[in-house]
Structure formats: C-alpha cells, structure tokens
C-alpha atoms as a PDB file:
ATOM      1  CA  MET A   1     140.788  82.505 131.854  1.00  0.00           C
ATOM      2  CA  LYS A   2     140.714  81.873 128.111  1.00  0.00           C
ATOM      3  CA  GLY A   3     141.063  84.671 125.765  1.00  0.00           C
ATOM      4  CA  THR A   4     137.961  85.582 123.730  1.00  0.00           C
ATOM      5  CA  LYS A   5     138.132  86.268 120.065  1.00  0.00           C
ATOM      6  CA  PRO A   6     136.692  89.779 119.137  1.00  0.00           C
ATOM      7  CA  GLY A   7     135.385  88.424 115.829  1.00  0.00           C
ATOM      8  CA  LYS A   8     132.924  86.145 117.529  1.00  0.00           C
ATOM      9  CA  TYR A   9     131.223  89.148 119.264  1.00  0.00           C
ATOM     10  CA  VAL A  10     131.298  91.141 116.154  1.00  0.00           C
ATOM     11  CA  LYS A  11     129.482  88.404 114.246  1.00  0.00           C
ATOM     12  CA  ARG A  12     126.850  88.123 116.987  1.00  0.00           C
ATOM     13  CA  LEU A  13     126.373  91.863 117.125  1.00  0.00           C
ATOM     14  CA  ILE A  14     125.878  92.003 113.350  1.00  0.00           C
ATOM     15  CA  ILE A  15     123.223  89.124 113.443  1.00  0.00           C
ATOM     16  CA  VAL A  16     121.378  90.863 116.304  1.00  0.00           C
ATOM     17  CA  ALA A  17     121.442  94.227 114.599  1.00  0.00           C
ATOM     18  CA  ALA A  18     120.174  92.656 111.324  1.00  0.00           C
ATOM     19  CA  LEU A  19     117.313  90.844 113.037  1.00  0.00           C
ATOM     20  CA  LEU A  20     116.276  94.090 114.976  1.00  0.00           C
ATOM     21  CA  ILE A  21     116.247  96.077 111.620  1.00  0.00           C
ATOM     22  CA  ALA A  22     114.226  93.448 109.780  1.00  0.00           C
ATOM     23  CA  THR A  23     111.673  93.325 112.607  1.00  0.00           C
ATOM     24  CA  GLY A  24     111.581  97.015 113.027  1.00  0.00           C
ATOM     25  CA  CYS A  25     110.914  97.632 109.227  1.00  0.00           C
ATOM     26  CA  SER A  26     108.030  95.215 109.058  1.00  0.00           C
ATOM     27  CA  LEU A  27     106.251  96.951 111.940  1.00  0.00           C
ATOM     28  CA  LEU A  28     106.060 100.264 109.868  1.00  0.00           C
ATOM     29  CA  SER A  29     102.725 101.135 108.496  1.00  0.00           C
ATOM     30  CA  VAL A  30     100.705 104.197 107.343  1.00  0.00           C
ATOM     31  CA  PRO A  31      97.473 104.871 109.308  1.00  0.00           C
ATOM     32  CA  ILE A  32      94.310 103.162 108.367  1.00  0.00           C
ATOM     33  CA  ILE A  33      91.621 105.311 106.851  1.00  0.00           C
ATOM     34  CA  THR A  34      88.203 104.108 107.881  1.00  0.00           C
ATOM     35  CA  ASN A  35      86.053 107.042 107.174  1.00  0.00           C
ATOM     36  CA  ALA A  36      86.487 108.713 103.727  1.00  0.00           C
ATOM     37  CA  SER A  37      84.436 110.767 101.275  1.00  0.00           C
ATOM     38  CA  ARG A  38      84.185 107.682  99.175  1.00  0.00           C
ATOM     39  CA  ASN A  39      83.450 104.901 101.592  1.00  0.00           C
ATOM     40  CA  ASP A  40      82.439 102.536  98.744  1.00  0.00           C
ATOM     41  CA  VAL A  41      86.003 102.357  97.487  1.00  0.00           C
ATOM     42  CA  VAL A  42      88.483 100.239  99.649  1.00  0.00           C
ATOM     43  CA  ASN A  43      92.195  99.931  99.169  1.00  0.00           C
ATOM     44  CA  LEU A  44      93.534  96.639 100.502  1.00  0.00           C
ATOM     45  CA  GLY A  45      97.091  95.913 100.455  1.00  0.00           C
ATOM     46  CA  ASP A  46     100.342  94.946 102.202  1.00  0.00           C
ATOM     47  CA  SER A  47     103.725  96.469 102.339  1.00  0.00           C
ATOM     48  CA  ILE A  48     103.854  98.123  98.972  1.00  0.00           C
ATOM     49  CA  TYR A  49     100.845 100.261 100.067  1.00  0.00           C
ATOM     50  CA  ALA A  50     101.573 100.528 103.786  1.00  0.00           C
ATOM     51  CA  LEU A  51     105.226 101.688 104.039  1.00  0.00           C
ATOM     52  CA  SER A  52     105.164 104.963 102.199  1.00  0.00           C
ATOM     53  CA  GLY A  53     101.387 105.509 101.466  1.00  0.00           C
ATOM     54  CA  LYS A  54     102.369 107.212  98.224  1.00  0.00           C
ATOM     55  CA  ILE A  55     100.005 105.242  96.067  1.00  0.00           C
ATOM     56  CA  GLN A  56      97.129 106.080  98.156  1.00  0.00           C
ATOM     57  CA  ASP A  57      98.194 109.789  98.348  1.00  0.00           C
ATOM     58  CA  TYR A  58      98.254 110.001  94.520  1.00  0.00           C
ATOM     59  CA  LEU A  59      94.857 108.426  94.253  1.00  0.00           C
ATOM     60  CA  HIS A  60      93.513 110.982  96.723  1.00  0.00           C
ATOM     61  CA  SER A  61      95.089 113.929  94.855  1.00  0.00           C
ATOM     62  CA  TRP A  62      94.177 112.829  91.392  1.00  0.00           C
ATOM     63  CA  SER A  63      90.535 111.993  92.303  1.00  0.00           C
ATOM     64  CA  GLY A  64      90.081 114.945  94.744  1.00  0.00           C
ATOM     65  CA  GLN A  65      88.474 112.451  97.164  1.00  0.00           C
ATOM     66  CA  THR A  66      89.510 110.129  99.831  1.00  0.00           C
ATOM     67  CA  PHE A  67      89.161 106.378  99.978  1.00  0.00           C
ATOM     68  CA  ARG A  68      89.238 103.861 102.815  1.00  0.00           C
ATOM     69  CA  ARG A  69      92.545 102.236 103.248  1.00  0.00           C
ATOM     70  CA  TYR A  70      93.251  99.032 105.055  1.00  0.00           C
ATOM     71  CA  ALA A  71      97.038  98.667 104.200  1.00  0.00           C
ATOM     72  CA  LEU A  72      99.261  96.883 106.684  1.00  0.00           C
ATOM     73  CA  SER A  73     102.843  96.051 106.701  1.00  0.00           C
ATOM     74  CA  GLY A  74     103.215  92.435 105.453  1.00  0.00           C
ATOM     75  CA  SER A  75     103.875  90.941 108.907  1.00  0.00           C
ATOM     76  CA  PHE A  76     100.354  92.068 109.981  1.00  0.00           C
ATOM     77  CA  VAL A  77      98.422  91.017 107.002  1.00  0.00           C
ATOM     78  CA  SER A  78      96.019  88.200 107.660  1.00  0.00           C
ATOM     79  CA  HIS A  79      94.761  85.624 105.074  1.00  0.00           C
ATOM     80  CA  VAL A  80      92.757  87.460 102.135  1.00  0.00           C
ATOM     81  CA  SER A  81      89.542  85.660 103.100  1.00  0.00           C
ATOM     82  CA  ASP A  82      89.945  86.805 106.638  1.00  0.00           C
ATOM     83  CA  GLN A  83      90.328  90.402 105.573  1.00  0.00           C
ATOM     84  CA  TYR A  84      86.892  90.442 103.968  1.00  0.00           C
ATOM     85  CA  ASP A  85      85.275  88.819 107.043  1.00  0.00           C
ATOM     86  CA  ASP A  86      86.114  91.999 109.099  1.00  0.00           C
END
C-alpha cells in the first residue's frame, strides 16, 4: 500500500469547508414582511438588506411605522424586472 500524504487531505478539507461556509452564508436572510402599516412603501434589496435587517429596523424605528420588505440574500434574488412581475 502506498503511503498517503496528510497535506493532501488537509487541502481537500479546507476547500470543502470553505465551500460549505460560502454556501451557508448565502442562504441567510431576514423574514419577508408582506403586510405592514404602510403597504405603499416597499423595500427591495439583496444581501445588504437581507443579512442583518438593520437598515429596515432603523427605518421602522425612525418613522414609527412598518414597511413591506422583500429582501433576499443575493443567491435568491431574481432579475429586477422579474421582481416587479410578482
């Protein structure tokens, strides 16, 4: 039997871990708000809005009202024109 090099397995493990982390982070998203006190205001966005939700939270706290939010992590965002079709 040939001897195996431990460095080869470590490299593969690092690559697999990096792919899992990158994929996992892209699946994070705050909940969508479809019914709000101001249904005429809509916040569309991708990861900058979806990951923490802080921008939307600040808007809600400053205005004292809620707005609809359709923010999704970048991996889920469809083409802009398709977003308006929904």
